[in-house]
Amino acid sequence: MDMRREVPALSLAPRLLVLAGRATFWTSACEVEGFRYGGLAKAVGDEGSMSAGKNIAKARAAVNKPAYPLPEAVSLLKQVKYAKFDETVDLTMRLGVDTRHADQMVRGTVVLPHGLGKTKTVAVIATGDRQKEATAAGADFVGGEEMVEKIQKENWTAFDALIATPDMMKVVGRLGKVLGPKGLMPNPKTGTVTMDVGAAVKEIKAGKVEFRADKTSLVHVPVGKLSFEPQKLIDNATTVITSIVRAKPAAAKGKYIKSVTLSSTMGPGVPLDSQVADAAVKR
């Protein structure tokens, strides 16, 4: 299609429009972002996208073996890094469970020996002395029913983890619609509904992470930053794998650990060999 014929004469003054889901400026009758002289043109920012695409392809091409030992996988992710920011390293495990059945749900928490490379923002809903304990332990936000009201009315979720005492759950329960979709709802199984709020705050600040199998039986867990020393990433990943192995439901049948993959935010997925899970079982 020849856009010079199809587009009526327009002023050269820029006009803002939305095309293909993006806001852009229509600067002349002969040039529309995404179309130029009847052909597809490079859209604004495409140069960067093309460069990133080449980097991604190059990084993926570096993964040329069916599986890697954990130390080699960590080393490979560091070698193919091209992003200018400090990427998060994630561990993904495919489990042989059917999460549609409650007795096959895999969920738990684990404290990473070397943390996540960032300090989590923790909020605590409690009363009386428990508020003082939370503050002393380093909680960022501490409150009672007024915090519940703030979350409910303002959809306020400026925290990474929320801890509540059992007696406050009767009011915290009203926050399910706000906190549930974001995975922030306090839960006894993850240690975020407890009277020992001081210990709970310290654990989260020290690098406690939650793991949970999703509807596709995958578990995604961050294990640190790519800038970490290799051994720290290895230790964190091994700790997570061991915890998930130990969380195997009694109702799960057949092979429990089907695959394990290590990846970074912008990097490729590196499949890990079965020895990683086998070693975790023996620990």
C-alpha atoms as a PDB file:
ATOM      1  CA  MET A   1       0.000   0.000   0.000  1.00  0.00           C
ATOM      2  CA  ASP A   2       1.413   3.415  -0.946  1.00  0.00           C
ATOM      3  CA  MET A   3       0.875   5.667   2.029  1.00  0.00           C
ATOM      4  CA  ARG A   4       1.605   8.741  -0.079  1.00  0.00           C
ATOM      5  CA  ARG A   5      -1.631   8.105  -1.950  1.00  0.00           C
ATOM      6  CA  GLU A   6      -3.710   6.944   0.966  1.00  0.00           C
ATOM      7  CA  VAL A   7      -2.877   9.683   3.471  1.00  0.00           C
ATOM      8  CA  PRO A   8      -4.368  13.116   2.757  1.00  0.00           C
ATOM      9  CA  ALA A   9      -2.223  16.203   2.814  1.00  0.00           C
ATOM     10  CA  LEU A  10      -1.591  17.345   6.323  1.00  0.00           C
ATOM     11  CA  SER A  11       0.255  20.152   8.001  1.00  0.00           C
ATOM     12  CA  LEU A  12       3.834  19.400   8.946  1.00  0.00           C
ATOM     13  CA  ALA A  13       3.001  20.346  12.535  1.00  0.00           C
ATOM     14  CA  PRO A  14       3.362  17.247  14.743  1.00  0.00           C
ATOM     15  CA  ARG A  15       0.126  15.536  15.704  1.00  0.00           C
ATOM     16  CA  LEU A  16      -0.106  12.983  18.469  1.00  0.00           C
ATOM     17  CA  LEU A  17      -1.873   9.758  17.632  1.00  0.00           C
ATOM     18  CA  VAL A  18      -1.962   6.176  18.812  1.00  0.00           C
ATOM     19  CA  LEU A  19      -0.832   3.577  16.312  1.00  0.00           C
ATOM     20  CA  ALA A  20      -0.334  -0.122  17.035  1.00  0.00           C
ATOM     21  CA  GLY A  21      -0.816   0.526  20.717  1.00  0.00           C
ATOM     22  CA  ARG A  22       1.888   3.223  20.919  1.00  0.00           C
ATOM     23  CA  ALA A  23       1.710   7.001  21.145  1.00  0.00           C
ATOM     24  CA  THR A  24       3.669   8.653  18.380  1.00  0.00           C
ATOM     25  CA  PHE A  25       3.896  11.866  16.382  1.00  0.00           C
ATOM     26  CA  TRP A  26       2.556  12.069  12.827  1.00  0.00           C
ATOM     27  CA  THR A  27       4.965  14.557  11.327  1.00  0.00           C
ATOM     28  CA  SER A  28       3.946  14.583   7.676  1.00  0.00           C
ATOM     29  CA  ALA A  29       1.526  13.124   5.184  1.00  0.00           C
ATOM     30  CA  CYS A  30       4.208  10.842   3.807  1.00  0.00           C
ATOM     31  CA  GLU A  31       5.534   9.468   7.078  1.00  0.00           C
ATOM     32  CA  VAL A  32       3.633   7.573   9.718  1.00  0.00           C
ATOM     33  CA  GLU A  33       5.474   5.574  12.346  1.00  0.00           C
ATOM     34  CA  GLY A  34       5.545   1.961  11.312  1.00  0.00           C
ATOM     35  CA  PHE A  35       4.770   2.815   7.687  1.00  0.00           C
ATOM     36  CA  ARG A  36       6.969   4.706   5.257  1.00  0.00           C
ATOM     37  CA  TYR A  37       6.564   4.940   1.494  1.00  0.00           C
ATOM     38  CA  GLY A  38       4.401   1.871   1.376  1.00  0.00           C
ATOM     39  CA  GLY A  39       6.729  -0.333   3.443  1.00  0.00           C
ATOM     40  CA  LEU A  40       7.367  -1.107   7.100  1.00  0.00           C
ATOM     41  CA  ALA A  41       9.802   1.321   8.641  1.00  0.00           C
ATOM     42  CA  LYS A  42      11.903   1.237  11.753  1.00  0.00           C
ATOM     43  CA  ALA A  43       9.710   2.586  14.518  1.00  0.00           C
ATOM     44  CA  VAL A  44      11.069   4.938  17.127  1.00  0.00           C
ATOM     45  CA  GLY A  45      13.198   2.883  19.493  1.00  0.00           C
ATOM     46  CA  ASP A  46      13.466  -0.063  17.098  1.00  0.00           C
ATOM     47  CA  GLU A  47      17.199   0.429  16.759  1.00  0.00           C
ATOM     48  CA  GLY A  48      17.589  -0.392  20.430  1.00  0.00           C
ATOM     49  CA  SER A  49      15.168  -3.295  20.112  1.00  0.00           C
ATOM     50  CA  MET A  50      17.122  -4.742  17.177  1.00  0.00           C
ATOM     51  CA  SER A  51      20.361  -4.451  19.126  1.00  0.00           C
ATOM     52  CA  ALA A  52      18.790  -6.115  22.150  1.00  0.00           C
ATOM     53  CA  GLY A  53      17.419  -8.846  19.882  1.00  0.00           C
ATOM     54  CA  LYS A  54      20.892  -9.584  18.579  1.00  0.00           C
ATOM     55  CA  ASN A  55      22.251  -9.735  22.113  1.00  0.00           C
ATOM     56  CA  ILE A  56      19.497 -12.108  23.193  1.00  0.00           C
ATOM     57  CA  ALA A  57      20.096 -14.358  20.183  1.00  0.00           C
ATOM     58  CA  LYS A  58      23.826 -14.404  20.895  1.00  0.00           C
ATOM     59  CA  ALA A  59      23.245 -15.236  24.555  1.00  0.00           C
ATOM     60  CA  ARG A  60      20.841 -18.054  23.700  1.00  0.00           C
ATOM     61  CA  ALA A  61      23.281 -19.462  21.162  1.00  0.00           C
ATOM     62  CA  ALA A  62      25.853 -19.789  23.947  1.00  0.00           C
ATOM     63  CA  VAL A  63      23.640 -22.414  25.613  1.00  0.00           C
ATOM     64  CA  ASN A  64      24.799 -25.303  23.464  1.00  0.00           C
ATOM     65  CA  LYS A  65      24.532 -28.294  25.799  1.00  0.00           C
ATOM     66  CA  PRO A  66      21.434 -30.226  26.906  1.00  0.00           C
ATOM     67  CA  ALA A  67      22.236 -29.588  30.579  1.00  0.00           C
ATOM     68  CA  TYR A  68      24.864 -27.970  32.776  1.00  0.00           C
ATOM     69  CA  PRO A  69      26.205 -28.498  36.294  1.00  0.00           C
ATOM     70  CA  LEU A  70      25.125 -25.629  38.555  1.00  0.00           C
ATOM     71  CA  PRO A  71      28.592 -23.977  38.740  1.00  0.00           C
ATOM     72  CA  GLU A  72      28.858 -23.970  34.920  1.00  0.00           C
ATOM     73  CA  ALA A  73      25.364 -22.522  34.566  1.00  0.00           C
ATOM     74  CA  VAL A  74      26.234 -19.641  36.899  1.00  0.00           C
ATOM     75  CA  SER A  75      29.463 -18.997  35.005  1.00  0.00           C
ATOM     76  CA  LEU A  76      27.640 -19.038  31.655  1.00  0.00           C
ATOM     77  CA  LEU A  77      25.044 -16.484  32.770  1.00  0.00           C
ATOM     78  CA  LYS A  78      27.837 -14.163  33.828  1.00  0.00           C
ATOM     79  CA  GLN A  79      29.673 -14.629  30.521  1.00  0.00           C
ATOM     80  CA  VAL A  80      26.680 -13.777  28.315  1.00  0.00           C
ATOM     81  CA  LYS A  81      25.512 -10.777  30.351  1.00  0.00           C
ATOM     82  CA  TYR A  82      24.863  -7.724  28.184  1.00  0.00           C
ATOM     83  CA  ALA A  83      22.311  -5.706  30.199  1.00  0.00           C
ATOM     84  CA  LYS A  84      23.583  -2.543  31.823  1.00  0.00           C
ATOM     85  CA  PHE A  85      21.780  -3.166  35.120  1.00  0.00           C
ATOM     86  CA  ASP A  86      22.330  -5.774  37.814  1.00  0.00           C
ATOM     87  CA  GLU A  87      20.023  -8.597  36.757  1.00  0.00           C
ATOM     88  CA  THR A  88      18.171 -10.899  39.112  1.00  0.00           C
ATOM     89  CA  VAL A  89      19.006 -14.587  38.852  1.00  0.00           C
ATOM     90  CA  ASP A  90      15.969 -16.896  38.972  1.00  0.00           C
ATOM     91  CA  LEU A  91      15.583 -20.602  39.520  1.00  0.00           C
ATOM     92  CA  THR A  92      12.659 -22.352  37.824  1.00  0.00           C
ATOM     93  CA  MET A  93      11.668 -25.919  38.631  1.00  0.00           C
ATOM     94  CA  ARG A  94       9.056 -28.005  36.842  1.00  0.00           C
ATOM     95  CA  LEU A  95       7.493 -30.417  39.306  1.00  0.00           C
ATOM     96  CA  GLY A  96       5.615 -33.652  38.829  1.00  0.00           C
ATOM     97  CA  VAL A  97       2.561 -32.524  40.777  1.00  0.00           C
ATOM     98  CA  ASP A  98      -1.001 -31.618  39.922  1.00  0.00           C
ATOM     99  CA  THR A  99      -1.698 -28.362  41.739  1.00  0.00           C
ATOM    100  CA  ARG A 100      -5.422 -28.700  41.054  1.00  0.00           C
ATOM    101  CA  HIS A 101      -5.404 -31.082  44.024  1.00  0.00           C
ATOM    102  CA  ALA A 102      -4.837 -29.458  47.418  1.00  0.00           C
ATOM    103  CA  ASP A 103      -2.797 -32.421  48.650  1.00  0.00           C
ATOM    104  CA  GLN A 104      -0.269 -31.881  45.848  1.00  0.00           C
ATOM    105  CA  MET A 105       0.312 -28.175  46.396  1.00  0.00           C
ATOM    106  CA  VAL A 106       3.955 -27.258  46.938  1.00  0.00           C
ATOM    107  CA  ARG A 107       4.471 -24.128  49.007  1.00  0.00           C
ATOM    108  CA  GLY A 108       6.916 -22.910  51.600  1.00  0.00           C
ATOM    109  CA  THR A 109       9.617 -20.451  52.534  1.00  0.00           C
ATOM    110  CA  VAL A 110      13.377 -20.537  52.769  1.00  0.00           C
ATOM    111  CA  VAL A 111      16.019 -18.125  54.031  1.00  0.00           C
ATOM    112  CA  LEU A 112      18.758 -17.657  51.444  1.00  0.00           C
ATOM    113  CA  PRO A 113      22.214 -17.863  53.057  1.00  0.00           C
ATOM    114  CA  HIS A 114      23.432 -14.828  51.106  1.00  0.00           C
ATOM    115  CA  GLY A 115      20.193 -12.906  50.734  1.00  0.00           C
ATOM    116  CA  LEU A 116      18.762 -11.416  47.554  1.00  0.00           C
ATOM    117  CA  GLY A 117      21.005  -8.424  47.145  1.00  0.00           C
ATOM    118  CA  LYS A 118      18.294  -6.036  48.233  1.00  0.00           C
ATOM    119  CA  THR A 119      16.467  -5.296  51.450  1.00  0.00           C
ATOM    120  CA  LYS A 120      12.756  -6.020  51.420  1.00  0.00           C
ATOM    121  CA  THR A 121      10.236  -3.502  52.675  1.00  0.00           C
ATOM    122  CA  VAL A 122       8.223  -5.112  55.476  1.00  0.00           C
ATOM    123  CA  ALA A 123       4.894  -4.000  56.939  1.00  0.00           C
ATOM    124  CA  VAL A 124       3.406  -5.362  60.161  1.00  0.00           C
ATOM    125  CA  ILE A 125      -0.191  -5.242  61.356  1.00  0.00           C
ATOM    126  CA  ALA A 126      -0.368  -5.815  65.086  1.00  0.00           C
ATOM    127  CA  THR A 127      -1.306  -4.176  68.378  1.00  0.00           C
ATOM    128  CA  GLY A 128       0.386  -3.186  71.621  1.00  0.00           C
ATOM    129  CA  ASP A 129       3.769  -4.695  72.416  1.00  0.00           C
ATOM    130  CA  ARG A 130       3.869  -6.576  69.116  1.00  0.00           C
ATOM    131  CA  GLN A 131       4.108  -3.237  67.332  1.00  0.00           C
ATOM    132  CA  LYS A 132       7.107  -2.310  69.462  1.00  0.00           C
ATOM    133  CA  GLU A 133       8.743  -5.671  68.681  1.00  0.00           C
ATOM    134  CA  ALA A 134       8.201  -5.159  64.969  1.00  0.00           C
ATOM    135  CA  THR A 135       9.700  -1.681  65.052  1.00  0.00           C
ATOM    136  CA  ALA A 136      12.707  -2.897  67.022  1.00  0.00           C
ATOM    137  CA  ALA A 137      13.260  -5.721  64.514  1.00  0.00           C
ATOM    138  CA  GLY A 138      13.435  -3.261  61.633  1.00  0.00           C
ATOM    139  CA  ALA A 139       9.924  -3.261  60.154  1.00  0.00           C
ATOM    140  CA  ASP A 140       9.403  -0.378  57.719  1.00  0.00           C
ATOM    141  CA  PHE A 141       5.696   0.139  58.429  1.00  0.00           C
ATOM    142  CA  VAL A 142       3.892  -0.781  61.636  1.00  0.00           C
ATOM    143  CA  GLY A 143       0.230  -0.233  62.403  1.00  0.00           C
ATOM    144  CA  GLY A 144      -3.106  -1.679  63.390  1.00  0.00           C
ATOM    145  CA  GLU A 145      -6.591  -1.224  62.002  1.00  0.00           C
ATOM    146  CA  GLU A 146      -5.616   2.148  60.522  1.00  0.00           C
ATOM    147  CA  MET A 147      -3.167   0.344  58.226  1.00  0.00           C
ATOM    148  CA  VAL A 148      -5.868  -2.108  57.201  1.00  0.00           C
ATOM    149  CA  GLU A 149      -8.112   0.837  56.326  1.00  0.00           C
ATOM    150  CA  LYS A 150      -5.338   2.499  54.317  1.00  0.00           C
ATOM    151  CA  ILE A 151      -4.733  -0.664  52.285  1.00  0.00           C
ATOM    152  CA  GLN A 152      -8.442  -1.199  51.715  1.00  0.00           C
ATOM    153  CA  LYS A 153      -9.358   2.359  50.731  1.00  0.00           C
ATOM    154  CA  GLU A 154      -6.200   3.412  48.896  1.00  0.00           C
ATOM    155  CA  ASN A 155      -5.001   0.048  47.522  1.00  0.00           C
ATOM    156  CA  TRP A 156      -1.770   0.898  49.303  1.00  0.00           C
ATOM    157  CA  THR A 157       0.866  -1.824  48.881  1.00  0.00           C
ATOM    158  CA  ALA A 158       4.194  -0.022  49.252  1.00  0.00           C
ATOM    159  CA  PHE A 159       5.807  -3.111  50.812  1.00  0.00           C
ATOM    160  CA  ASP A 160       7.276  -6.431  49.729  1.00  0.00           C
ATOM    161  CA  ALA A 161       5.932  -8.488  52.631  1.00  0.00           C
ATOM    162  CA  LEU A 162       3.103  -8.110  55.142  1.00  0.00           C
ATOM    163  CA  ILE A 163       3.101  -9.754  58.559  1.00  0.00           C
ATOM    164  CA  ALA A 164       0.071  -9.920  60.841  1.00  0.00           C
ATOM    165  CA  THR A 165      -0.635 -11.353  64.265  1.00  0.00           C
ATOM    166  CA  PRO A 166      -3.379 -14.015  64.471  1.00  0.00           C
ATOM    167  CA  ASP A 167      -5.726 -11.713  66.397  1.00  0.00           C
ATOM    168  CA  MET A 168      -5.581  -9.139  63.581  1.00  0.00           C
ATOM    169  CA  MET A 169      -6.493 -11.589  60.829  1.00  0.00           C
ATOM    170  CA  LYS A 170     -10.196 -10.996  61.399  1.00  0.00           C
ATOM    171  CA  VAL A 171      -9.732  -7.505  59.932  1.00  0.00           C
ATOM    172  CA  VAL A 172      -6.836  -8.323  57.621  1.00  0.00           C
ATOM    173  CA  GLY A 173      -9.070 -10.932  55.991  1.00  0.00           C
ATOM    174  CA  ARG A 174     -10.981  -8.100  54.334  1.00  0.00           C
ATOM    175  CA  LEU A 175      -7.903  -7.280  52.259  1.00  0.00           C
ATOM    176  CA  GLY A 176      -7.962 -10.431  50.150  1.00  0.00           C
ATOM    177  CA  LYS A 177      -8.999  -8.660  46.953  1.00  0.00           C
ATOM    178  CA  VAL A 178      -6.158  -6.159  47.256  1.00  0.00           C
ATOM    179  CA  LEU A 179      -3.379  -8.356  48.621  1.00  0.00           C
ATOM    180  CA  GLY A 180      -4.262 -11.740  47.140  1.00  0.00           C
ATOM    181  CA  PRO A 181      -3.469 -11.020  43.461  1.00  0.00           C
ATOM    182  CA  LYS A 182      -0.114  -9.546  44.483  1.00  0.00           C
ATOM    183  CA  GLY A 183       0.858 -12.468  46.703  1.00  0.00           C
ATOM    184  CA  LEU A 184       1.000 -10.246  49.778  1.00  0.00           C
ATOM    185  CA  MET A 185      -1.741 -11.817  51.898  1.00  0.00           C
ATOM    186  CA  PRO A 186      -0.356 -13.017  55.270  1.00  0.00           C
ATOM    187  CA  ASN A 187      -0.423 -16.795  55.585  1.00  0.00           C
ATOM    188  CA  PRO A 188       0.508 -19.095  58.487  1.00  0.00           C
ATOM    189  CA  LYS A 189       2.196 -21.495  56.033  1.00  0.00           C
ATOM    190  CA  THR A 190       4.696 -18.840  55.032  1.00  0.00           C
ATOM    191  CA  GLY A 191       5.295 -17.603  58.552  1.00  0.00           C
ATOM    192  CA  THR A 192       3.639 -14.241  57.972  1.00  0.00           C
ATOM    193  CA  VAL A 193       0.812 -14.875  60.448  1.00  0.00           C
ATOM    194  CA  THR A 194       2.577 -15.162  63.768  1.00  0.00           C
ATOM    195  CA  MET A 195       2.840 -13.736  67.262  1.00  0.00           C
ATOM    196  CA  ASP A 196       6.623 -13.676  66.945  1.00  0.00           C
ATOM    197  CA  VAL A 197       6.619 -10.695  64.624  1.00  0.00           C
ATOM    198  CA  GLY A 198      10.178  -9.721  65.548  1.00  0.00           C
ATOM    199  CA  ALA A 199      11.634 -12.993  64.293  1.00  0.00           C
ATOM    200  CA  ALA A 200       9.459 -12.904  61.176  1.00  0.00           C
ATOM    201  CA  VAL A 201      10.679  -9.406  60.276  1.00  0.00           C
ATOM    202  CA  LYS A 202      14.312 -10.383  60.772  1.00  0.00           C
ATOM    203  CA  GLU A 203      13.949 -13.493  58.588  1.00  0.00           C
ATOM    204  CA  ILE A 204      12.437 -11.531  55.712  1.00  0.00           C
ATOM    205  CA  LYS A 205      15.069  -8.825  56.007  1.00  0.00           C
ATOM    206  CA  ALA A 206      17.772 -11.521  55.990  1.00  0.00           C
ATOM    207  CA  GLY A 207      16.607 -12.899  52.639  1.00  0.00           C
ATOM    208  CA  LYS A 208      13.601 -15.113  53.264  1.00  0.00           C
ATOM    209  CA  VAL A 209      11.784 -15.976  50.036  1.00  0.00           C
ATOM    210  CA  GLU A 210       8.535 -17.784  49.346  1.00  0.00           C
ATOM    211  CA  PHE A 211       8.089 -20.522  46.775  1.00  0.00           C
ATOM    212  CA  ARG A 212       4.848 -21.876  45.392  1.00  0.00           C
ATOM    213  CA  ALA A 213       3.943 -24.112  42.473  1.00  0.00           C
ATOM    214  CA  ASP A 214       1.701 -22.336  39.971  1.00  0.00           C
ATOM    215  CA  LYS A 215      -1.093 -23.790  37.858  1.00  0.00           C
ATOM    216  CA  THR A 216       1.434 -25.229  35.412  1.00  0.00           C
ATOM    217  CA  SER A 217       3.413 -26.919  38.215  1.00  0.00           C
ATOM    218  CA  LEU A 218       6.292 -24.460  37.861  1.00  0.00           C
ATOM    219  CA  VAL A 219       8.076 -22.874  40.802  1.00  0.00           C
ATOM    220  CA  HIS A 220       9.915 -19.582  40.210  1.00  0.00           C
ATOM    221  CA  VAL A 221      12.289 -18.332  42.922  1.00  0.00           C
ATOM    222  CA  PRO A 222      14.854 -15.505  42.840  1.00  0.00           C
ATOM    223  CA  VAL A 223      18.260 -16.591  44.151  1.00  0.00           C
ATOM    224  CA  GLY A 224      20.265 -13.361  44.038  1.00  0.00           C
ATOM    225  CA  LYS A 225      21.852 -10.840  41.703  1.00  0.00           C
ATOM    226  CA  LEU A 226      24.147 -11.574  38.771  1.00  0.00           C
ATOM    227  CA  SER A 227      26.809  -9.441  40.447  1.00  0.00           C
ATOM    228  CA  PHE A 228      27.024 -11.954  43.327  1.00  0.00           C
ATOM    229  CA  GLU A 229      30.147 -14.053  43.619  1.00  0.00           C
ATOM    230  CA  PRO A 230      29.548 -17.391  41.853  1.00  0.00           C
ATOM    231  CA  GLN A 231      29.667 -19.417  45.068  1.00  0.00           C
ATOM    232  CA  LYS A 232      26.982 -17.250  46.679  1.00  0.00           C
ATOM    233  CA  LEU A 233      24.605 -17.898  43.786  1.00  0.00           C
ATOM    234  CA  ILE A 234      25.434 -21.605  43.935  1.00  0.00           C
ATOM    235  CA  ASP A 235      24.743 -21.697  47.691  1.00  0.00           C
ATOM    236  CA  ASN A 236      21.445 -19.819  47.350  1.00  0.00           C
ATOM    237  CA  ALA A 237      20.246 -21.970  44.445  1.00  0.00           C
ATOM    238  CA  THR A 238      21.211 -25.191  46.229  1.00  0.00           C
ATOM    239  CA  THR A 239      19.344 -24.069  49.344  1.00  0.00           C
ATOM    240  CA  VAL A 240      16.182 -23.383  47.326  1.00  0.00           C
ATOM    241  CA  ILE A 241      16.365 -26.698  45.464  1.00  0.00           C
ATOM    242  CA  THR A 242      16.850 -28.590  48.724  1.00  0.00           C
ATOM    243  CA  SER A 243      13.854 -26.849  50.323  1.00  0.00           C
ATOM    244  CA  ILE A 244      11.592 -27.618  47.370  1.00  0.00           C
ATOM    245  CA  VAL A 245      12.725 -31.257  47.326  1.00  0.00           C
ATOM    246  CA  ARG A 246      11.910 -31.545  51.017  1.00  0.00           C
ATOM    247  CA  ALA A 247       8.489 -29.996  50.402  1.00  0.00           C
ATOM    248  CA  LYS A 248       7.439 -32.909  48.167  1.00  0.00           C
ATOM    249  CA  PRO A 249       3.787 -33.773  48.914  1.00  0.00           C
ATOM    250  CA  ALA A 250       3.084 -37.315  50.042  1.00  0.00           C
ATOM    251  CA  ALA A 251       0.389 -37.524  47.351  1.00  0.00           C
ATOM    252  CA  ALA A 252       2.825 -36.741  44.526  1.00  0.00           C
ATOM    253  CA  LYS A 253       3.490 -39.801  42.364  1.00  0.00           C
ATOM    254  CA  GLY A 254       6.201 -40.512  39.820  1.00  0.00           C
ATOM    255  CA  LYS A 255       9.162 -38.260  39.138  1.00  0.00           C
ATOM    256  CA  TYR A 256       9.011 -35.197  41.356  1.00  0.00           C
ATOM    257  CA  ILE A 257      11.695 -32.947  39.839  1.00  0.00           C
ATOM    258  CA  LYS A 258      11.183 -32.916  36.076  1.00  0.00           C
ATOM    259  CA  SER A 259      13.509 -30.054  35.179  1.00  0.00           C
ATOM    260  CA  VAL A 260      15.521 -27.229  36.730  1.00  0.00           C
ATOM    261  CA  THR A 261      16.511 -24.054  34.882  1.00  0.00           C
ATOM    262  CA  LEU A 262      18.664 -21.110  35.907  1.00  0.00           C
ATOM    263  CA  SER A 263      18.168 -17.755  34.192  1.00  0.00           C
ATOM    264  CA  SER A 264      18.758 -14.035  34.580  1.00  0.00           C
ATOM    265  CA  THR A 265      16.408 -11.136  33.855  1.00  0.00           C
ATOM    266  CA  MET A 266      17.695 -10.552  30.318  1.00  0.00           C
ATOM    267  CA  GLY A 267      19.697 -13.732  29.872  1.00  0.00           C
ATOM    268  CA  PRO A 268      18.862 -17.177  28.507  1.00  0.00           C
ATOM    269  CA  GLY A 269      17.481 -20.113  30.431  1.00  0.00           C
ATOM    270  CA  VAL A 270      20.257 -22.579  31.254  1.00  0.00           C
ATOM    271  CA  PRO A 271      19.023 -26.136  31.936  1.00  0.00           C
ATOM    272  CA  LEU A 272      20.645 -27.826  34.920  1.00  0.00           C
ATOM    273  CA  ASP A 273      21.591 -31.484  34.980  1.00  0.00           C
ATOM    274  CA  SER A 274      19.823 -34.001  37.204  1.00  0.00           C
ATOM    275  CA  GLN A 275      22.767 -34.174  39.604  1.00  0.00           C
ATOM    276  CA  VAL A 276      21.633 -30.873  41.111  1.00  0.00           C
ATOM    277  CA  ALA A 277      18.331 -32.342  42.288  1.00  0.00           C
ATOM    278  CA  ASP A 278      19.912 -35.687  43.159  1.00  0.00           C
ATOM    279  CA  ALA A 279      22.410 -33.964  45.445  1.00  0.00           C
ATOM    280  CA  ALA A 280      19.589 -32.027  47.098  1.00  0.00           C
ATOM    281  CA  VAL A 281      17.730 -35.267  47.853  1.00  0.00           C
ATOM    282  CA  LYS A 282      20.792 -36.664  49.651  1.00  0.00           C
ATOM    283  CA  ARG A 283      21.317 -33.573  51.815  1.00  0.00           C
END
